[in-house]
């Protein structure tokens, strides 16, 4: 069994497959990292835009505390 594996390992076709496999894992890693960066950027953008526009929950507008006070005194 082991002898056959060694022969297959030395086979040119199999080496090409491993190269493709390495390329695939590299692409998956790049896509994974890109997706994570995209997620962080989008969450950060939503969070920052919410602060810049002023919170207020669903209503929006005003200062971040304004919406909270509306919620308290409703």
N, C-alpha and C. Protein backbone atom coordinates (compact mmCIF):
# COMPACT_ATOMS: atom_id res chain seq x y z
N UNK A 1 0.83 -1.21 0.00
CA UNK A 1 0.00 0.00 0.00
C UNK A 1 0.87 1.26 0.00
N UNK A 2 1.85 1.26 0.91
CA UNK A 2 2.68 2.46 1.03
C UNK A 2 3.49 2.72 -0.23
N UNK A 3 3.95 1.63 -0.88
CA UNK A 3 4.71 1.80 -2.11
C UNK A 3 3.87 2.49 -3.18
N UNK A 4 2.61 2.11 -3.30
CA UNK A 4 1.72 2.72 -4.29
C UNK A 4 1.55 4.21 -3.99
N UNK A 5 1.43 4.54 -2.71
CA UNK A 5 1.27 5.95 -2.34
C UNK A 5 2.48 6.76 -2.76
N UNK A 6 3.66 6.20 -2.55
CA UNK A 6 4.89 6.91 -2.92
C UNK A 6 4.91 7.15 -4.43
N UNK A 7 4.52 6.12 -5.19
CA UNK A 7 4.50 6.24 -6.65
C UNK A 7 3.51 7.32 -7.06
N UNK A 8 2.33 7.33 -6.44
CA UNK A 8 1.32 8.33 -6.77
C UNK A 8 1.79 9.73 -6.40
N UNK A 9 2.52 9.80 -5.28
CA UNK A 9 3.02 11.10 -4.85
C UNK A 9 4.00 11.67 -5.87
N UNK A 10 4.80 10.80 -6.46
CA UNK A 10 5.78 11.24 -7.45
C UNK A 10 5.14 11.55 -8.80
N UNK A 11 3.89 11.16 -8.96
CA UNK A 11 3.19 11.35 -10.23
C UNK A 11 3.01 12.84 -10.52
N UNK A 12 3.27 13.20 -11.79
CA UNK A 12 3.18 14.62 -12.18
C UNK A 12 1.75 15.15 -12.01
N UNK A 13 0.76 14.34 -12.41
CA UNK A 13 -0.64 14.77 -12.38
C UNK A 13 -1.06 15.13 -10.95
N UNK A 14 -0.64 14.31 -10.00
CA UNK A 14 -1.02 14.53 -8.61
C UNK A 14 -0.38 15.81 -8.07
N UNK A 15 0.86 16.08 -8.49
CA UNK A 15 1.54 17.31 -8.04
C UNK A 15 0.77 18.54 -8.52
N UNK A 16 0.28 18.47 -9.76
CA UNK A 16 -0.52 19.57 -10.29
C UNK A 16 -1.78 19.78 -9.44
N UNK A 17 -2.38 18.67 -9.03
CA UNK A 17 -3.57 18.76 -8.19
C UNK A 17 -3.27 19.43 -6.86
N UNK A 18 -2.12 19.09 -6.27
CA UNK A 18 -1.78 19.70 -4.99
C UNK A 18 -1.53 21.20 -5.17
N UNK A 19 -0.93 21.58 -6.30
CA UNK A 19 -0.74 23.01 -6.57
C UNK A 19 -2.09 23.71 -6.67
N UNK A 20 -3.03 23.07 -7.37
CA UNK A 20 -4.38 23.63 -7.46
C UNK A 20 -5.01 23.72 -6.08
N UNK A 21 -4.78 22.70 -5.27
CA UNK A 21 -5.31 22.71 -3.91
C UNK A 21 -4.75 23.86 -3.11
N UNK A 22 -3.45 24.09 -3.25
CA UNK A 22 -2.82 25.22 -2.53
C UNK A 22 -3.41 26.53 -3.00
N UNK A 23 -3.59 26.65 -4.33
CA UNK A 23 -4.18 27.87 -4.90
C UNK A 23 -5.59 28.06 -4.35
N UNK A 24 -6.35 26.96 -4.27
CA UNK A 24 -7.71 27.02 -3.73
C UNK A 24 -7.74 27.50 -2.29
N UNK A 25 -6.85 26.95 -1.46
CA UNK A 25 -6.84 27.35 -0.05
C UNK A 25 -6.42 28.82 0.08
N UNK A 26 -5.48 29.25 -0.77
CA UNK A 26 -5.06 30.66 -0.74
C UNK A 26 -6.23 31.56 -1.12
N UNK A 27 -6.97 31.17 -2.18
CA UNK A 27 -8.14 31.96 -2.60
C UNK A 27 -9.19 32.00 -1.51
N UNK A 28 -9.43 30.86 -0.88
CA UNK A 28 -10.43 30.81 0.20
C UNK A 28 -10.00 31.71 1.35
N UNK A 29 -8.71 31.68 1.69
CA UNK A 29 -8.22 32.55 2.77
C UNK A 29 -8.39 34.01 2.41
N UNK A 30 -8.03 34.37 1.17
CA UNK A 30 -8.15 35.78 0.73
C UNK A 30 -9.61 36.20 0.77
N UNK A 31 -10.50 35.33 0.26
CA UNK A 31 -11.93 35.66 0.28
C UNK A 31 -12.44 35.78 1.71
N UNK A 32 -11.99 34.89 2.58
CA UNK A 32 -12.41 34.94 3.98
C UNK A 32 -11.98 36.23 4.65
N UNK A 33 -10.72 36.61 4.44
CA UNK A 33 -10.20 37.85 5.02
C UNK A 33 -10.93 39.05 4.45
N UNK A 34 -11.14 39.04 3.13
CA UNK A 34 -11.85 40.16 2.49
C UNK A 34 -13.26 40.28 3.03
N UNK A 35 -13.92 39.13 3.25
CA UNK A 35 -15.28 39.14 3.78
C UNK A 35 -15.30 39.70 5.20
N UNK A 36 -14.32 39.30 6.00
CA UNK A 36 -14.24 39.81 7.38
C UNK A 36 -14.01 41.32 7.38
N UNK A 37 -13.09 41.79 6.54
CA UNK A 37 -12.82 43.23 6.46
C UNK A 37 -14.08 43.97 6.03
N UNK A 38 -14.78 43.42 5.02
CA UNK A 38 -16.02 44.03 4.54
C UNK A 38 -17.05 44.13 5.66
N UNK A 39 -17.18 43.03 6.43
CA UNK A 39 -18.14 42.99 7.53
C UNK A 39 -17.80 44.06 8.57
N UNK A 40 -16.52 44.14 8.95
CA UNK A 40 -16.09 45.11 9.96
C UNK A 40 -16.32 46.53 9.46
N UNK A 41 -15.97 46.79 8.20
CA UNK A 41 -16.14 48.13 7.62
C UNK A 41 -17.62 48.51 7.60
N UNK A 42 -18.48 47.58 7.18
CA UNK A 42 -19.91 47.88 7.10
C UNK A 42 -20.49 48.14 8.49
N UNK A 43 -20.13 47.29 9.46
CA UNK A 43 -20.63 47.50 10.82
C UNK A 43 -20.12 48.83 11.37
N UNK A 44 -18.84 49.11 11.12
CA UNK A 44 -18.26 50.38 11.57
C UNK A 44 -18.95 51.56 10.92
N UNK A 45 -19.24 51.45 9.63
CA UNK A 45 -19.92 52.53 8.91
C UNK A 45 -21.30 52.79 9.49
N UNK A 46 -22.05 51.73 9.74
CA UNK A 46 -23.40 51.87 10.31
C UNK A 46 -23.30 52.51 11.69
N UNK A 47 -22.36 52.04 12.50
CA UNK A 47 -22.20 52.55 13.86
C UNK A 47 -21.82 54.03 13.85
N UNK A 48 -20.83 54.38 13.00
CA UNK A 48 -20.34 55.77 12.95
C UNK A 48 -21.41 56.69 12.38
N UNK A 49 -22.10 56.24 11.33
CA UNK A 49 -23.13 57.09 10.73
C UNK A 49 -24.26 57.31 11.72
N UNK A 50 -24.55 56.31 12.54
CA UNK A 50 -25.58 56.45 13.57
C UNK A 50 -25.16 57.50 14.59
N UNK A 51 -23.88 57.51 14.97
CA UNK A 51 -23.39 58.50 15.94
C UNK A 51 -23.40 59.89 15.29
N UNK A 52 -22.93 59.97 14.04
CA UNK A 52 -22.84 61.27 13.37
C UNK A 52 -24.23 61.89 13.19
N UNK A 53 -25.20 61.09 12.78
CA UNK A 53 -26.55 61.60 12.59
C UNK A 53 -27.26 61.80 13.91
N UNK A 54 -26.73 61.20 14.95
CA UNK A 54 -27.40 61.28 16.25
C UNK A 54 -28.35 60.12 16.37
N UNK A 55 -28.27 59.43 17.47
CA UNK A 55 -29.02 58.18 17.65
C UNK A 55 -30.51 58.38 17.57
N UNK A 56 -31.20 58.15 18.66
CA UNK A 56 -32.64 58.30 18.67
C UNK A 56 -33.33 57.06 18.16
N UNK A 57 -32.60 55.95 18.10
CA UNK A 57 -33.21 54.69 17.73
C UNK A 57 -33.84 54.75 16.35
N UNK A 58 -35.11 54.37 16.25
CA UNK A 58 -35.78 54.29 14.95
C UNK A 58 -36.03 55.70 14.40
N UNK A 59 -36.33 56.65 15.27
CA UNK A 59 -36.67 58.01 14.81
C UNK A 59 -35.47 58.67 14.13
N UNK A 60 -34.31 58.59 14.74
CA UNK A 60 -33.11 59.21 14.18
C UNK A 60 -33.15 60.71 14.37
N UNK A 61 -32.07 61.37 14.00
CA UNK A 61 -32.00 62.82 14.12
C UNK A 61 -31.75 63.25 15.55
N UNK A 62 -31.35 64.50 15.71
CA UNK A 62 -31.11 65.02 17.06
C UNK A 62 -29.84 64.45 17.66
N UNK A 63 -29.65 64.73 18.94
CA UNK A 63 -28.47 64.20 19.63
C UNK A 63 -28.76 62.77 20.05
N UNK A 64 -27.69 61.99 20.31
CA UNK A 64 -27.92 60.61 20.75
C UNK A 64 -28.77 60.53 22.01
N UNK A 65 -28.65 61.52 22.89
CA UNK A 65 -29.41 61.48 24.14
C UNK A 65 -30.89 61.84 23.90
N UNK A 66 -31.17 62.59 22.87
CA UNK A 66 -32.53 63.07 22.62
C UNK A 66 -33.51 61.91 22.47
N UNK A 67 -33.11 60.94 21.64
CA UNK A 67 -33.96 59.78 21.44
C UNK A 67 -34.14 59.00 22.72
N UNK A 68 -33.07 58.92 23.50
CA UNK A 68 -33.13 58.18 24.76
C UNK A 68 -34.10 58.87 25.72
N UNK A 69 -34.07 60.19 25.76
CA UNK A 69 -34.98 60.94 26.64
C UNK A 69 -36.43 60.79 26.18
N UNK A 70 -36.64 60.80 24.86
CA UNK A 70 -37.99 60.55 24.33
C UNK A 70 -38.49 59.20 24.81
N UNK A 71 -37.57 58.23 24.81
CA UNK A 71 -37.93 56.88 25.23
C UNK A 71 -38.28 56.87 26.72
N UNK A 72 -37.55 57.66 27.51
CA UNK A 72 -37.78 57.67 28.96
C UNK A 72 -39.12 58.32 29.30
N UNK A 73 -39.43 59.42 28.63
CA UNK A 73 -40.61 60.21 29.03
C UNK A 73 -41.86 59.90 28.21
N UNK A 74 -41.83 58.79 27.44
CA UNK A 74 -42.99 58.48 26.63
C UNK A 74 -44.08 57.84 27.46
